[in-house]
């Protein structure tokens, strides 16, 4: 993770996988290029969201099937952006 101005971080997908919420690790998810910290959400237990989503992943495609829209992410702390390997260089 590389820090950006304003306190946000840049995450590569491989780095995001480390934040899966298991064994005391923080739980982060990506959606539409933004990275959110779901660690303290009561709906994300040990990196699992009600058996539907797992932390440490980009859930953009999975959200199409969620019973709610992306407005739910407005309640979650934004901590960074997801970048491709080529953007990081």
Protein backbone atom coordinates (compact mmCIF):
# COMPACT_ATOMS: atom_id res chain seq x y z
CA UNK A 1 0.00 0.00 0.00
CA UNK A 2 1.29 3.43 -0.97
CA UNK A 3 -0.03 6.50 0.86
CA UNK A 4 -1.70 9.25 -1.17
CA UNK A 5 -2.20 12.87 -0.27
CA UNK A 6 -5.19 13.28 2.02
CA UNK A 7 -4.53 10.06 3.95
CA UNK A 8 -5.89 7.63 1.37
CA UNK A 9 -3.82 4.68 0.21
CA UNK A 10 -3.17 3.00 -3.11
CA UNK A 11 -3.78 -0.74 -3.06
CA UNK A 12 -2.89 -3.32 -5.67
CA UNK A 13 -5.28 -6.29 -5.84
CA UNK A 14 -2.56 -8.58 -4.48
CA UNK A 15 -2.16 -6.29 -1.45
CA UNK A 16 -5.91 -6.09 -0.90
CA UNK A 17 -6.00 -9.88 -0.50
CA UNK A 18 -3.95 -9.51 2.70
CA UNK A 19 -6.81 -7.61 4.36
CA UNK A 20 -9.29 -10.46 4.53
CA UNK A 21 -10.47 -9.94 8.12
CA UNK A 22 -9.20 -13.32 9.31
CA UNK A 23 -6.89 -14.03 12.24
CA UNK A 24 -7.16 -10.47 13.55
CA UNK A 25 -6.37 -8.78 10.23
CA UNK A 26 -8.36 -5.73 9.09
CA UNK A 27 -11.13 -6.36 6.54
CA UNK A 28 -11.01 -4.25 3.38
CA UNK A 29 -13.09 -4.45 0.23
CA UNK A 30 -12.87 -2.68 -3.12
CA UNK A 31 -15.81 -1.38 -5.11
CA UNK A 32 -15.55 0.56 -8.38
CA UNK A 33 -11.91 1.39 -7.73
CA UNK A 34 -12.35 2.55 -4.14
CA UNK A 35 -11.17 0.65 -1.06
CA UNK A 36 -13.31 0.55 2.08
CA UNK A 37 -12.55 -0.61 5.63
CA UNK A 38 -15.36 -2.93 6.80
CA UNK A 39 -13.43 -4.19 9.84
CA UNK A 40 -15.77 -2.62 12.41
CA UNK A 41 -19.03 -3.28 10.58
CA UNK A 42 -21.38 -5.59 12.47
CA UNK A 43 -22.40 -7.01 9.08
CA UNK A 44 -18.84 -8.17 8.29
CA UNK A 45 -17.74 -10.87 10.75
CA UNK A 46 -14.19 -12.20 10.33
CA UNK A 47 -14.15 -10.83 6.79
CA UNK A 48 -17.43 -12.44 5.78
CA UNK A 49 -20.58 -10.52 4.86
CA UNK A 50 -23.51 -12.81 5.62
CA UNK A 51 -22.04 -15.63 3.52
CA UNK A 52 -22.33 -13.52 0.37
CA UNK A 53 -19.06 -11.55 0.13
CA UNK A 54 -15.53 -11.93 1.45
CA UNK A 55 -13.11 -9.19 2.46
CA UNK A 56 -9.80 -8.84 0.67
CA UNK A 57 -11.50 -8.74 -2.73
CA UNK A 58 -12.94 -6.42 -5.33
CA UNK A 59 -16.69 -6.94 -4.94
CA UNK A 60 -17.76 -4.70 -7.83
CA UNK A 61 -19.25 -7.54 -9.88
CA UNK A 62 -20.78 -9.25 -6.82
CA UNK A 63 -22.72 -6.12 -5.86
CA UNK A 64 -24.96 -6.63 -8.91
CA UNK A 65 -26.61 -9.45 -6.97
CA UNK A 66 -26.81 -7.74 -3.58
CA UNK A 67 -30.25 -6.92 -2.15
CA UNK A 68 -29.08 -3.32 -1.64
CA UNK A 69 -27.29 -0.74 -3.76
CA UNK A 70 -23.95 0.96 -3.47
CA UNK A 71 -25.49 3.61 -1.22
CA UNK A 72 -24.72 1.26 1.69
CA UNK A 73 -21.02 1.95 1.15
CA UNK A 74 -21.58 5.61 2.07
CA UNK A 75 -21.69 4.38 5.68
CA UNK A 76 -18.28 2.68 5.39
CA UNK A 77 -14.92 4.41 5.82
CA UNK A 78 -13.15 5.07 2.51
CA UNK A 79 -9.44 4.36 2.97
CA UNK A 80 -7.96 4.21 -0.52
CA UNK A 81 -8.09 3.40 -4.19
CA UNK A 82 -7.48 0.19 -6.10
CA UNK A 83 -4.78 0.48 -8.75
CA UNK A 84 -3.47 -1.84 -11.42
CA UNK A 85 0.17 -2.84 -11.39
CA UNK A 86 0.88 -0.54 -14.35
CA UNK A 87 -0.59 2.48 -12.49
CA UNK A 88 1.64 1.85 -9.49
CA UNK A 89 4.90 2.28 -11.44
